[in-house]
Amino acid sequence: MSYETIQLEMRGAVAVITLSRPESLNALTSEVGEEFQRAVKELCEHGARVVIITGAGRAFCAGGDLREMRKIAERDGRVDAFFDEPLRLLNDCILLIRQTPLPFIAAVNGAASGGGCNFALACDLVIAGESARFNQAFIKIGLSPDCGGTFILPRLIGWKRAAELMMTGEVTSAARALEMGMINSVVPDDQLMAHAMAMAETLAGAPTQAIGRIKELLEASATNDYGAQLELERKAQLRSGQTKDFGEGVAAFIEKRPPKFVGG
């Protein structure tokens, strides 16, 4: 399948999606949203067990494309037209990252601003190059956050810090983002993809269905009470206990050998 605004590459069981509009710092458009969804469907069909998302050129993603916003506003005759169907399309991408039972790793190079920042934070793990920077840029143009920022950011760094970043649009360095718990690790810029691939290959060798259930459980924990979460964990264990990987894990433990998980 061919794409215009992204690149999709399969490296064994690891799929790499590269946002590929470097001339606009990989800003998000309707076409990016459509192609991203197609790419996730394709990589699942090809048996991917891990997904890396990164950006082409000198940025991860600059957020929503203001030029497209203006064109849609002129076409539809109202300034807020972009925030109707096009934004719903991008929101569907965020939900796809959260609901696809595969680990998603954001490899953040350069700027991750506005919706681009929240696109990265929607991933299960975030690895950043030393020069990466994050900001909730919406306030700079009179907007409130989108792409799930008001859901995920306070859960990562706390209500007060999230409020400050969103209300000021302050740019946060990779080192500061790590310190606050916004991301998982910071590596030298020239080693970013190597570190992301190493993590991806580790996860690709893990029991994929169990990872999918971890995602499901973490997502539910944001709104469940304690008892409901315990019951959801029990049901997830029942399903996990029926997999080939559980049998292999137990056998490997008893036989004192490394397990060979197949994702089934």
Protein backbone atom coordinates (compact mmCIF):
# COMPACT_ATOMS: atom_id res chain seq x y z
CA MET A 1 0.00 0.00 0.00
CA SER A 2 1.37 3.43 -0.91
CA TYR A 3 1.25 6.54 1.26
CA GLU A 4 1.85 10.25 0.67
CA THR A 5 2.17 11.71 4.17
CA ILE A 6 3.65 8.82 6.13
CA GLN A 7 6.09 5.99 5.57
CA LEU A 8 5.48 2.43 6.74
CA GLU A 9 8.37 0.01 7.06
CA MET A 10 8.34 -3.53 8.40
CA ARG A 11 11.52 -4.59 10.17
CA GLY A 12 10.70 -8.16 11.01
CA ALA A 13 7.98 -8.05 13.68
CA VAL A 14 8.56 -4.31 14.25
CA ALA A 15 6.57 -1.77 12.22
CA VAL A 16 7.96 1.75 11.88
CA ILE A 17 5.52 4.53 11.00
CA THR A 18 7.29 7.77 10.05
CA LEU A 19 5.26 10.95 9.85
CA SER A 20 6.62 12.27 6.56
CA ARG A 21 5.80 15.89 5.89
CA PRO A 22 9.19 17.35 6.86
CA GLU A 23 8.57 20.63 5.02
CA SER A 24 5.78 21.38 7.53
CA LEU A 25 7.48 19.71 10.52
CA ASN A 26 5.14 16.73 10.03
CA ALA A 27 2.05 18.76 10.93
CA LEU A 28 -1.16 16.77 11.24
CA THR A 29 -3.75 16.90 8.45
CA SER A 30 -6.83 14.93 7.50
CA GLU A 31 -4.72 12.94 5.04
CA VAL A 32 -2.20 12.08 7.76
CA GLY A 33 -5.05 10.79 9.92
CA GLU A 34 -6.51 8.69 7.12
CA GLU A 35 -3.16 7.22 6.13
CA PHE A 36 -2.17 6.52 9.72
CA GLN A 37 -5.31 4.46 10.22
CA ARG A 38 -4.69 2.56 6.99
CA ALA A 39 -1.09 1.91 8.04
CA VAL A 40 -2.09 0.46 11.41
CA LYS A 41 -4.54 -1.87 9.68
CA GLU A 42 -1.85 -2.92 7.21
CA LEU A 43 0.84 -3.56 9.81
CA CYS A 44 -1.58 -5.68 11.85
CA GLU A 45 -2.33 -7.73 8.74
CA HIS A 46 1.43 -8.22 8.28
CA GLY A 47 1.78 -9.64 11.80
CA ALA A 48 3.55 -6.72 13.48
CA ARG A 49 4.04 -7.17 17.21
CA VAL A 50 5.38 -3.68 18.01
CA VAL A 51 4.92 -0.24 16.42
CA ILE A 52 7.40 2.65 16.48
CA ILE A 53 6.17 6.14 15.54
CA THR A 54 8.72 8.82 14.64
CA GLY A 55 9.03 11.91 12.45
CA ALA A 56 10.98 12.65 9.28
CA GLY A 57 13.50 15.49 9.30
CA ARG A 58 14.06 17.79 12.26
CA ALA A 59 10.77 17.36 14.12
CA PHE A 60 8.49 14.67 15.46
CA CYS A 61 5.28 16.60 14.83
CA ALA A 62 4.34 20.28 15.01
CA GLY A 63 0.67 19.60 15.76
CA GLY A 64 -2.29 20.56 13.60
CA ASP A 65 -1.54 22.08 10.22
CA LEU A 66 -2.64 25.74 10.41
CA ARG A 67 -2.63 26.07 6.63
CA GLU A 68 -5.10 23.21 6.31
CA MET A 69 -7.19 24.78 9.07
CA ARG A 70 -7.39 28.01 7.07
CA LYS A 71 -8.28 26.21 3.82
CA ILE A 72 -11.07 24.24 5.49
CA ALA A 73 -12.38 27.41 7.15
CA GLU A 74 -12.48 29.21 3.78
CA ARG A 75 -14.10 26.23 2.07
CA ASP A 76 -16.80 25.74 4.71
CA GLY A 77 -17.28 29.42 5.51
CA ARG A 78 -16.61 29.08 9.23
CA VAL A 79 -13.38 29.40 11.17
CA ASP A 80 -13.97 26.38 13.40
CA ALA A 81 -14.60 23.87 10.59
CA PHE A 82 -11.30 22.02 11.15
CA PHE A 83 -12.42 21.04 14.63
CA ASP A 84 -15.38 19.11 13.31
CA GLU A 85 -14.69 16.11 11.05
CA PRO A 86 -10.87 16.53 10.61
CA LEU A 87 -10.26 16.61 14.37
CA ARG A 88 -12.56 13.63 14.87
CA LEU A 89 -10.33 11.79 12.40
CA LEU A 90 -7.21 12.61 14.45
CA ASN A 91 -9.01 11.62 17.64
CA ASP A 92 -9.71 8.26 16.01
CA CYS A 93 -5.94 7.88 15.54
CA ILE A 94 -5.37 8.48 19.26
CA LEU A 95 -7.99 5.86 20.13
CA LEU A 96 -6.42 3.47 17.62
CA ILE A 97 -3.07 3.77 19.41
CA ARG A 98 -4.72 3.15 22.77
CA GLN A 99 -7.01 0.32 21.66
CA THR A 100 -4.75 -1.66 19.33
CA PRO A 101 -3.39 -4.56 21.45
CA LEU A 102 0.22 -3.92 20.46
CA PRO A 103 2.85 -1.79 22.19
CA PHE A 104 3.39 1.61 20.55
CA ILE A 105 6.72 3.40 21.06
CA ALA A 106 7.12 7.08 20.22
CA ALA A 107 10.70 7.91 19.13
CA VAL A 108 10.61 11.68 19.51
CA ASN A 109 13.09 13.67 17.44
CA GLY A 110 12.97 17.46 17.72
CA ALA A 111 9.72 19.29 18.41
CA ALA A 112 6.55 17.56 19.59
CA SER A 113 4.05 20.41 19.84
CA GLY A 114 0.32 20.66 20.44
CA GLY A 115 -1.44 17.68 18.96
CA GLY A 116 1.98 16.27 18.05
CA CYS A 117 2.94 16.23 21.72
CA ASN A 118 -0.27 14.43 22.63
CA PHE A 119 0.18 12.01 19.73
CA ALA A 120 3.49 10.98 21.31
CA LEU A 121 2.05 10.81 24.83
CA ALA A 122 -0.72 8.49 23.62
CA CYS A 123 1.95 5.87 22.90
CA ASP A 124 2.73 3.27 25.56
CA LEU A 125 6.39 4.26 25.77
CA VAL A 126 8.15 7.50 24.80
CA ILE A 127 11.87 7.64 24.02
CA ALA A 128 13.22 11.10 23.24
CA GLY A 129 16.41 12.38 21.68
CA GLU A 130 18.35 14.88 23.79
CA SER A 131 17.26 17.78 21.60
CA ALA A 132 13.57 16.83 21.69
CA ARG A 133 11.17 19.32 23.22
CA PHE A 134 7.52 19.14 24.15
CA ASN A 135 4.86 21.78 24.51
CA GLN A 136 1.12 22.24 24.73
CA ALA A 137 1.21 24.98 22.13
CA PHE A 138 -2.56 25.44 21.80
CA ILE A 139 -2.75 28.46 24.11
CA LYS A 140 -0.33 30.33 21.85
CA ILE A 141 -3.05 30.60 19.20
CA GLY A 142 -6.03 30.87 21.54
CA LEU A 143 -7.03 27.21 21.65
CA SER A 144 -7.61 24.64 24.35
CA PRO A 145 -5.80 21.26 24.05
CA ASP A 146 -6.97 18.37 21.90
CA CYS A 147 -5.83 14.86 20.92
CA GLY A 148 -6.30 13.63 24.49
CA GLY A 149 -3.87 15.99 26.19
CA THR A 150 -6.19 16.91 29.05
CA PHE A 151 -6.71 13.21 29.76
CA ILE A 152 -3.17 11.85 29.64
CA LEU A 153 -0.94 14.71 30.77
CA PRO A 154 -2.37 15.20 34.30
CA ARG A 155 -2.21 11.45 34.80
CA LEU A 156 1.48 11.48 33.89
CA ILE A 157 2.75 14.58 35.70
CA GLY A 158 -0.07 15.68 38.03
CA TRP A 159 -2.87 18.22 37.79
CA LYS A 160 -0.89 21.32 38.77
CA ARG A 161 2.02 20.75 36.41
CA ALA A 162 -0.32 19.87 33.56
CA ALA A 163 -2.33 23.05 34.17
CA GLU A 164 0.85 25.14 34.08
CA LEU A 165 2.11 23.62 30.83
CA MET A 166 -1.27 23.97 29.15
CA MET A 167 -2.00 27.49 30.38
CA THR A 168 1.45 28.87 29.51
CA GLY A 169 2.43 26.79 26.46
CA GLU A 170 5.88 26.49 28.04
CA VAL A 171 8.41 24.47 26.05
CA THR A 172 9.71 21.50 28.05
CA SER A 173 13.10 19.98 27.33
CA ALA A 174 13.52 16.22 27.03
CA ALA A 175 15.48 16.15 30.29
CA ARG A 176 12.73 18.04 32.13
CA ALA A 177 10.03 15.85 30.59
CA LEU A 178 11.87 12.80 31.88
CA GLU A 179 12.23 14.32 35.34
CA MET A 180 8.48 15.01 35.50
CA GLY A 181 7.55 11.49 34.39
CA MET A 182 6.13 12.58 31.04
CA ILE A 183 8.41 10.23 29.06
CA ASN A 184 10.40 7.04 29.65
CA SER A 185 13.95 7.85 28.60
CA VAL A 186 16.28 10.34 26.91
CA VAL A 187 19.09 9.20 24.62
CA PRO A 188 21.64 10.90 22.36
CA ASP A 189 19.99 12.15 19.18
CA ASP A 190 22.08 9.94 16.92
CA GLN A 191 21.11 6.85 18.94
CA LEU A 192 17.36 7.48 19.09
CA MET A 193 16.20 4.91 16.55
CA ALA A 194 18.74 2.34 17.74
CA HIS A 195 17.36 2.58 21.28
CA ALA A 196 13.77 2.52 20.02
CA MET A 197 14.49 -0.57 17.92
CA ALA A 198 16.20 -2.31 20.84
CA MET A 199 13.15 -1.73 23.02
CA ALA A 200 10.84 -2.78 20.18
CA GLU A 201 12.73 -6.01 19.61
CA THR A 202 12.53 -6.79 23.33
CA LEU A 203 8.77 -6.29 23.28
CA ALA A 204 8.43 -8.21 20.01
CA GLY A 205 9.83 -11.24 21.82
CA ALA A 206 7.33 -10.85 24.66
CA PRO A 207 3.87 -12.49 24.93
CA THR A 208 1.89 -10.12 22.73
CA GLN A 209 -1.56 -10.99 24.03
CA ALA A 210 -0.49 -10.29 27.60
CA ILE A 211 0.83 -6.89 26.51
CA GLY A 212 -2.51 -6.15 24.87
CA ARG A 213 -4.26 -6.96 28.14
CA ILE A 214 -1.84 -4.75 30.08
CA LYS A 215 -2.91 -1.87 27.81
CA GLU A 216 -6.57 -2.71 28.39
CA LEU A 217 -6.11 -2.87 32.17
CA LEU A 218 -4.14 0.37 32.40
CA GLU A 219 -6.75 2.16 30.30
CA ALA A 220 -9.59 0.91 32.51
CA SER A 221 -7.73 1.82 35.71
CA ALA A 222 -8.20 5.53 34.94
CA THR A 223 -11.93 5.28 35.68
CA ASN A 224 -12.50 1.98 37.52
CA ASP A 225 -12.89 1.62 41.25
CA TYR A 226 -10.63 -0.85 43.09
CA GLY A 227 -13.11 -3.73 43.09
CA ALA A 228 -13.96 -3.36 39.42
CA GLN A 229 -10.27 -3.29 38.53
CA LEU A 230 -9.60 -6.45 40.53
CA GLU A 231 -12.41 -8.23 38.68
CA LEU A 232 -11.12 -7.01 35.31
CA GLU A 233 -7.65 -8.30 36.23
CA ARG A 234 -9.13 -11.71 37.11
CA LYS A 235 -10.91 -11.94 33.77
CA ALA A 236 -7.75 -10.89 31.92
CA GLN A 237 -5.79 -13.59 33.74
CA LEU A 238 -8.36 -16.18 32.71
CA ARG A 239 -7.88 -15.23 29.08
CA SER A 240 -4.10 -15.08 29.41
CA GLY A 241 -4.06 -18.49 31.07
CA GLN A 242 -5.56 -20.00 27.92
CA THR A 243 -2.74 -18.85 25.63
CA LYS A 244 0.14 -20.82 24.20
CA ASP A 245 2.52 -18.23 25.63
CA PHE A 246 1.37 -18.97 29.18
CA GLY A 247 2.07 -22.66 28.67
CA GLU A 248 5.47 -21.85 27.18
CA GLY A 249 6.30 -19.45 30.01
CA VAL A 250 5.53 -22.05 32.68
CA ALA A 251 7.43 -24.78 30.81
CA ALA A 252 10.46 -22.53 30.34
CA PHE A 253 10.46 -21.61 34.03
CA ILE A 254 10.33 -25.25 35.12
CA GLU A 255 12.97 -26.27 32.57
CA LYS A 256 15.18 -23.29 33.50
CA ARG A 257 15.47 -21.99 29.93
CA PRO A 258 14.54 -18.75 28.15
CA PRO A 259 10.92 -18.78 26.93
CA LYS A 260 10.13 -18.61 23.22
CA PHE A 261 6.90 -16.64 22.99
CA VAL A 262 4.93 -16.72 19.74
CA GLY A 263 2.27 -14.14 20.52
CA GLY A 264 -0.55 -16.68 20.69
